[in-house]
């Protein structure tokens, strides 16, 4: 079973059917007990790159934004059974070139972790990716607001849209999450782990 654990804020743990473990933007919450095969960092703000929280296997691969966006080129990777494609992510607090989002494919399932971004034109290209789970921020200050995340989900057309990054310094804010109106929306609280389905 392919599983996704929401740790809070923008932090997730993704476990493949083979038991390979990928952490995305480690910082918040619990669930760092499993040794990592792969770590993905969308950008180098402290609340997204706490790699010291992660126990890493000797052969663990860490992909940071500087690896994923190199000389203006958004790169792709194949590591530990995961396919990773870096995509644009930016806004006034995160200039273009500072960070990335990731489209991650594992066990035939596609997950889009947007990183810290606003609703941007490049999201139009994600519809063709046939995203199963879109992880989109909604804080409305450092990232897009809930209504913009709804528009992004409308454009991307994922099977499920999971709101994240709800308020600076907070792992989860129910009042902010409830502002999401997208029919694709699926609420996860920190500590929730789900089995991903195609």
C-alpha atoms as a PDB file:
ATOM      1  CA  UNK A   1       0.000   0.000   0.000  1.00  0.00           C
ATOM      2  CA  UNK A   2       1.207   3.491  -0.859  1.00  0.00           C
ATOM      3  CA  UNK A   3       0.682   5.816   2.099  1.00  0.00           C
ATOM      4  CA  UNK A   4       0.743   9.553   2.740  1.00  0.00           C
ATOM      5  CA  UNK A   5       1.187  10.949   6.251  1.00  0.00           C
ATOM      6  CA  UNK A   6       0.436  14.633   6.841  1.00  0.00           C
ATOM      7  CA  UNK A   7       2.797  15.849   9.524  1.00  0.00           C
ATOM      8  CA  UNK A   8       1.503  19.418   9.553  1.00  0.00           C
ATOM      9  CA  UNK A   9       2.280  22.753   7.872  1.00  0.00           C
ATOM     10  CA  UNK A  10       3.827  21.651   4.526  1.00  0.00           C
ATOM     11  CA  UNK A  11       5.491  18.465   5.796  1.00  0.00           C
ATOM     12  CA  UNK A  12       4.556  15.030   4.463  1.00  0.00           C
ATOM     13  CA  UNK A  13       5.888  11.481   4.574  1.00  0.00           C
ATOM     14  CA  UNK A  14       5.253   9.327   1.526  1.00  0.00           C
ATOM     15  CA  UNK A  15       5.772   5.562   1.781  1.00  0.00           C
ATOM     16  CA  UNK A  16       5.829   3.387  -1.325  1.00  0.00           C
ATOM     17  CA  UNK A  17       4.339  -0.057  -1.727  1.00  0.00           C
ATOM     18  CA  UNK A  18       7.883  -1.438  -1.357  1.00  0.00           C
ATOM     19  CA  UNK A  19       8.404   0.442   1.900  1.00  0.00           C
ATOM     20  CA  UNK A  20      10.634   3.183   0.507  1.00  0.00           C
ATOM     21  CA  UNK A  21      10.232   6.395   2.507  1.00  0.00           C
ATOM     22  CA  UNK A  22      10.239   9.929   1.097  1.00  0.00           C
ATOM     23  CA  UNK A  23       9.956  13.047   3.284  1.00  0.00           C
ATOM     24  CA  UNK A  24       8.784  16.290   1.673  1.00  0.00           C
ATOM     25  CA  UNK A  25       9.651  19.617   3.333  1.00  0.00           C
ATOM     26  CA  UNK A  26      10.442  18.159   6.770  1.00  0.00           C
ATOM     27  CA  UNK A  27       9.762  20.553   9.644  1.00  0.00           C
ATOM     28  CA  UNK A  28       6.418  20.077  11.355  1.00  0.00           C
ATOM     29  CA  UNK A  29       4.853  17.441  13.544  1.00  0.00           C
ATOM     30  CA  UNK A  30       5.720  13.840  14.290  1.00  0.00           C
ATOM     31  CA  UNK A  31       6.377  10.761  12.181  1.00  0.00           C
ATOM     32  CA  UNK A  32      10.106  11.073  11.551  1.00  0.00           C
ATOM     33  CA  UNK A  33      10.809   7.639  13.035  1.00  0.00           C
ATOM     34  CA  UNK A  34      11.118   5.859   9.676  1.00  0.00           C
ATOM     35  CA  UNK A  35      14.519   6.087   8.006  1.00  0.00           C
ATOM     36  CA  UNK A  36      14.463   8.076   4.776  1.00  0.00           C
ATOM     37  CA  UNK A  37      15.345   6.770   1.343  1.00  0.00           C
ATOM     38  CA  UNK A  38      14.588  10.155  -0.218  1.00  0.00           C
ATOM     39  CA  UNK A  39      14.112  13.738   1.018  1.00  0.00           C
ATOM     40  CA  UNK A  40      12.639  16.518  -1.128  1.00  0.00           C
ATOM     41  CA  UNK A  41      13.056  20.189  -0.205  1.00  0.00           C
ATOM     42  CA  UNK A  42      10.988  22.742  -2.148  1.00  0.00           C
ATOM     43  CA  UNK A  43      12.957  25.781  -0.911  1.00  0.00           C
ATOM     44  CA  UNK A  44      15.379  26.877   1.764  1.00  0.00           C
ATOM     45  CA  UNK A  45      13.131  28.545   4.336  1.00  0.00           C
ATOM     46  CA  UNK A  46      13.564  27.091   7.830  1.00  0.00           C
ATOM     47  CA  UNK A  47       9.988  25.779   7.958  1.00  0.00           C
ATOM     48  CA  UNK A  48      10.561  23.586   4.885  1.00  0.00           C
ATOM     49  CA  UNK A  49      14.143  22.333   5.138  1.00  0.00           C
ATOM     50  CA  UNK A  50      14.608  20.868   8.647  1.00  0.00           C
ATOM     51  CA  UNK A  51      16.507  17.899   7.257  1.00  0.00           C
ATOM     52  CA  UNK A  52      18.136  17.308  10.656  1.00  0.00           C
ATOM     53  CA  UNK A  53      14.770  15.930  11.885  1.00  0.00           C
ATOM     54  CA  UNK A  54      15.063  13.062   9.401  1.00  0.00           C
ATOM     55  CA  UNK A  55      16.928   9.822  10.053  1.00  0.00           C
ATOM     56  CA  UNK A  56      18.580   9.119   6.721  1.00  0.00           C
ATOM     57  CA  UNK A  57      19.703   5.748   5.408  1.00  0.00           C
ATOM     58  CA  UNK A  58      23.330   5.577   4.275  1.00  0.00           C
ATOM     59  CA  UNK A  59      22.231   5.680   0.638  1.00  0.00           C
ATOM     60  CA  UNK A  60      19.505   8.304   1.147  1.00  0.00           C
ATOM     61  CA  UNK A  61      19.162  10.883  -1.621  1.00  0.00           C
ATOM     62  CA  UNK A  62      18.314  14.490  -0.719  1.00  0.00           C
ATOM     63  CA  UNK A  63      17.051  16.743  -3.513  1.00  0.00           C
ATOM     64  CA  UNK A  64      17.018  20.434  -2.675  1.00  0.00           C
ATOM     65  CA  UNK A  65      15.667  23.315  -4.745  1.00  0.00           C
ATOM     66  CA  UNK A  66      19.162  24.153  -6.045  1.00  0.00           C
ATOM     67  CA  UNK A  67      19.406  20.591  -7.414  1.00  0.00           C
ATOM     68  CA  UNK A  68      15.889  20.631  -8.839  1.00  0.00           C
ATOM     69  CA  UNK A  69      16.205  24.023 -10.564  1.00  0.00           C
ATOM     70  CA  UNK A  70      19.659  24.295 -12.041  1.00  0.00           C
ATOM     71  CA  UNK A  71      20.710  27.058 -14.464  1.00  0.00           C
ATOM     72  CA  UNK A  72      17.083  27.845 -15.189  1.00  0.00           C
ATOM     73  CA  UNK A  73      16.197  24.231 -15.999  1.00  0.00           C
ATOM     74  CA  UNK A  74      13.578  22.330 -13.981  1.00  0.00           C
ATOM     75  CA  UNK A  75      15.044  18.860 -13.642  1.00  0.00           C
ATOM     76  CA  UNK A  76      13.607  15.366 -13.357  1.00  0.00           C
ATOM     77  CA  UNK A  77      14.918  12.520 -11.216  1.00  0.00           C
ATOM     78  CA  UNK A  78      14.357   8.799 -10.759  1.00  0.00           C
ATOM     79  CA  UNK A  79      15.327   7.648  -7.273  1.00  0.00           C
ATOM     80  CA  UNK A  80      14.338   4.698  -5.061  1.00  0.00           C
ATOM     81  CA  UNK A  81      11.276   3.866  -7.152  1.00  0.00           C
ATOM     82  CA  UNK A  82      10.071   7.492  -7.195  1.00  0.00           C
ATOM     83  CA  UNK A  83       9.953   9.662 -10.310  1.00  0.00           C
ATOM     84  CA  UNK A  84      10.304  13.347  -9.455  1.00  0.00           C
ATOM     85  CA  UNK A  85       9.680  16.305 -11.742  1.00  0.00           C
ATOM     86  CA  UNK A  86      10.455  19.823 -10.537  1.00  0.00           C
ATOM     87  CA  UNK A  87       7.956  22.505 -11.596  1.00  0.00           C
ATOM     88  CA  UNK A  88       7.695  26.293 -11.055  1.00  0.00           C
ATOM     89  CA  UNK A  89       6.644  27.735  -7.698  1.00  0.00           C
ATOM     90  CA  UNK A  90       6.864  31.440  -6.903  1.00  0.00           C
ATOM     91  CA  UNK A  91       5.255  34.609  -5.558  1.00  0.00           C
ATOM     92  CA  UNK A  92       6.311  37.938  -4.037  1.00  0.00           C
ATOM     93  CA  UNK A  93       7.753  36.195  -0.940  1.00  0.00           C
ATOM     94  CA  UNK A  94       9.422  33.442  -2.977  1.00  0.00           C
ATOM     95  CA  UNK A  95      10.947  34.903  -6.167  1.00  0.00           C
ATOM     96  CA  UNK A  96      11.039  32.827  -9.323  1.00  0.00           C
ATOM     97  CA  UNK A  97      14.133  30.657  -9.172  1.00  0.00           C
ATOM     98  CA  UNK A  98      14.168  30.447  -5.359  1.00  0.00           C
ATOM     99  CA  UNK A  99      12.055  27.327  -5.013  1.00  0.00           C
ATOM    100  CA  UNK A 100      10.161  24.619  -6.839  1.00  0.00           C
ATOM    101  CA  UNK A 101       7.143  22.382  -6.621  1.00  0.00           C
ATOM    102  CA  UNK A 102       7.378  18.643  -7.255  1.00  0.00           C
ATOM    103  CA  UNK A 103       5.271  16.191  -9.221  1.00  0.00           C
ATOM    104  CA  UNK A 104       6.077  12.831  -7.657  1.00  0.00           C
ATOM    105  CA  UNK A 105       5.058   9.531  -9.180  1.00  0.00           C
ATOM    106  CA  UNK A 106       5.214   6.302  -7.194  1.00  0.00           C
ATOM    107  CA  UNK A 107       3.315   3.035  -7.656  1.00  0.00           C
ATOM    108  CA  UNK A 108       1.396   4.603 -10.551  1.00  0.00           C
ATOM    109  CA  UNK A 109       0.087   7.446  -8.338  1.00  0.00           C
ATOM    110  CA  UNK A 110       0.934  11.118  -8.942  1.00  0.00           C
ATOM    111  CA  UNK A 111       1.261  13.621  -6.107  1.00  0.00           C
ATOM    112  CA  UNK A 112       1.844  17.333  -6.662  1.00  0.00           C
ATOM    113  CA  UNK A 113       3.447  19.222  -3.768  1.00  0.00           C
ATOM    114  CA  UNK A 114       3.266  22.824  -4.888  1.00  0.00           C
ATOM    115  CA  UNK A 115       5.819  24.302  -2.500  1.00  0.00           C
ATOM    116  CA  UNK A 116       5.209  27.909  -1.455  1.00  0.00           C
ATOM    117  CA  UNK A 117       3.520  29.551  -4.406  1.00  0.00           C
ATOM    118  CA  UNK A 118       0.671  31.682  -5.613  1.00  0.00           C
ATOM    119  CA  UNK A 119      -1.771  30.707  -8.327  1.00  0.00           C
ATOM    120  CA  UNK A 120       0.574  30.886 -11.331  1.00  0.00           C
ATOM    121  CA  UNK A 121       0.057  30.448 -15.108  1.00  0.00           C
ATOM    122  CA  UNK A 122       2.352  27.401 -15.221  1.00  0.00           C
ATOM    123  CA  UNK A 123      -0.241  25.421 -13.276  1.00  0.00           C
ATOM    124  CA  UNK A 124      -2.238  25.120 -16.500  1.00  0.00           C
ATOM    125  CA  UNK A 125       0.342  22.600 -17.720  1.00  0.00           C
ATOM    126  CA  UNK A 126      -0.319  20.361 -14.734  1.00  0.00           C
ATOM    127  CA  UNK A 127      -3.742  19.288 -15.957  1.00  0.00           C
ATOM    128  CA  UNK A 128      -2.004  17.043 -18.479  1.00  0.00           C
ATOM    129  CA  UNK A 129      -0.084  15.344 -15.658  1.00  0.00           C
ATOM    130  CA  UNK A 130      -3.292  13.698 -14.399  1.00  0.00           C
ATOM    131  CA  UNK A 131      -2.529  14.427 -10.757  1.00  0.00           C
ATOM    132  CA  UNK A 132      -4.144  12.133  -8.203  1.00  0.00           C
ATOM    133  CA  UNK A 133      -3.363  14.223  -5.092  1.00  0.00           C
ATOM    134  CA  UNK A 134      -2.553  17.962  -5.157  1.00  0.00           C
ATOM    135  CA  UNK A 135      -1.073  19.436  -1.965  1.00  0.00           C
ATOM    136  CA  UNK A 136      -1.746  23.181  -2.155  1.00  0.00           C
ATOM    137  CA  UNK A 137      -1.017  25.982   0.363  1.00  0.00           C
ATOM    138  CA  UNK A 138      -3.773  28.280   1.581  1.00  0.00           C
ATOM    139  CA  UNK A 139      -2.342  30.766   4.107  1.00  0.00           C
ATOM    140  CA  UNK A 140      -3.153  33.856   2.018  1.00  0.00           C
ATOM    141  CA  UNK A 141      -0.004  35.712   3.065  1.00  0.00           C
ATOM    142  CA  UNK A 142       3.164  33.782   2.244  1.00  0.00           C
ATOM    143  CA  UNK A 143       1.227  31.647  -0.241  1.00  0.00           C
ATOM    144  CA  UNK A 144      -2.040  31.786  -2.141  1.00  0.00           C
ATOM    145  CA  UNK A 145      -5.350  32.262  -0.362  1.00  0.00           C
ATOM    146  CA  UNK A 146      -7.968  29.478  -0.141  1.00  0.00           C
ATOM    147  CA  UNK A 147      -9.983  30.908  -3.066  1.00  0.00           C
ATOM    148  CA  UNK A 148      -6.838  30.920  -5.236  1.00  0.00           C
ATOM    149  CA  UNK A 149      -6.059  27.345  -4.223  1.00  0.00           C
ATOM    150  CA  UNK A 150      -9.619  26.478  -5.287  1.00  0.00           C
ATOM    151  CA  UNK A 151      -8.881  28.079  -8.692  1.00  0.00           C
ATOM    152  CA  UNK A 152      -5.608  26.163  -8.924  1.00  0.00           C
ATOM    153  CA  UNK A 153      -7.394  22.880  -8.198  1.00  0.00           C
ATOM    154  CA  UNK A 154      -9.981  23.802 -10.835  1.00  0.00           C
ATOM    155  CA  UNK A 155      -7.179  24.223 -13.352  1.00  0.00           C
ATOM    156  CA  UNK A 156      -5.129  21.161 -12.355  1.00  0.00           C
ATOM    157  CA  UNK A 157      -8.154  18.874 -11.906  1.00  0.00           C
ATOM    158  CA  UNK A 158      -6.632  16.450  -9.410  1.00  0.00           C
ATOM    159  CA  UNK A 159      -8.694  13.618  -8.020  1.00  0.00           C
ATOM    160  CA  UNK A 160      -8.055  15.096  -4.563  1.00  0.00           C
ATOM    161  CA  UNK A 161      -6.844  18.483  -3.290  1.00  0.00           C
ATOM    162  CA  UNK A 162      -5.331  18.469   0.206  1.00  0.00           C
ATOM    163  CA  UNK A 163      -4.948  21.950   1.777  1.00  0.00           C
ATOM    164  CA  UNK A 164      -1.667  22.643   3.609  1.00  0.00           C
ATOM    165  CA  UNK A 165       0.443  25.586   4.889  1.00  0.00           C
ATOM    166  CA  UNK A 166      -2.567  27.251   6.509  1.00  0.00           C
ATOM    167  CA  UNK A 167      -0.987  29.910   8.701  1.00  0.00           C
ATOM    168  CA  UNK A 168       2.616  30.963   9.410  1.00  0.00           C
ATOM    169  CA  UNK A 169       3.920  29.182  12.489  1.00  0.00           C
ATOM    170  CA  UNK A 170       0.917  26.849  12.759  1.00  0.00           C
ATOM    171  CA  UNK A 171       0.753  23.171  11.798  1.00  0.00           C
ATOM    172  CA  UNK A 172      -2.990  23.298  11.097  1.00  0.00           C
ATOM    173  CA  UNK A 173      -5.828  25.863  11.312  1.00  0.00           C
ATOM    174  CA  UNK A 174      -9.362  24.510  10.927  1.00  0.00           C
ATOM    175  CA  UNK A 175     -10.942  27.947  10.333  1.00  0.00           C
ATOM    176  CA  UNK A 176      -8.604  28.482   7.358  1.00  0.00           C
ATOM    177  CA  UNK A 177      -9.132  24.956   6.016  1.00  0.00           C
ATOM    178  CA  UNK A 178     -12.903  25.500   6.074  1.00  0.00           C
ATOM    179  CA  UNK A 179     -12.549  28.397   3.607  1.00  0.00           C
ATOM    180  CA  UNK A 180     -11.692  25.886   0.859  1.00  0.00           C
ATOM    181  CA  UNK A 181     -14.695  25.274  -1.392  1.00  0.00           C
ATOM    182  CA  UNK A 182     -13.236  23.051  -4.111  1.00  0.00           C
ATOM    183  CA  UNK A 183     -15.167  19.864  -4.924  1.00  0.00           C
ATOM    184  CA  UNK A 184     -11.763  18.147  -5.083  1.00  0.00           C
ATOM    185  CA  UNK A 185     -10.930  19.097  -1.478  1.00  0.00           C
ATOM    186  CA  UNK A 186     -10.014  16.430   1.048  1.00  0.00           C
ATOM    187  CA  UNK A 187      -9.073  17.499   4.563  1.00  0.00           C
ATOM    188  CA  UNK A 188      -6.173  15.923   6.403  1.00  0.00           C
ATOM    189  CA  UNK A 189      -5.174  16.834   9.951  1.00  0.00           C
ATOM    190  CA  UNK A 190      -1.610  16.473  11.233  1.00  0.00           C
ATOM    191  CA  UNK A 191      -1.019  12.857  12.173  1.00  0.00           C
ATOM    192  CA  UNK A 192      -3.528  11.545   9.605  1.00  0.00           C
ATOM    193  CA  UNK A 193      -2.144   8.862   7.285  1.00  0.00           C
ATOM    194  CA  UNK A 194      -4.092   7.686   4.259  1.00  0.00           C
ATOM    195  CA  UNK A 195      -3.704   4.886   1.736  1.00  0.00           C
ATOM    196  CA  UNK A 196      -3.324   6.470  -1.687  1.00  0.00           C
ATOM    197  CA  UNK A 197      -5.522   5.181  -4.471  1.00  0.00           C
ATOM    198  CA  UNK A 198      -5.247   5.559  -8.231  1.00  0.00           C
END
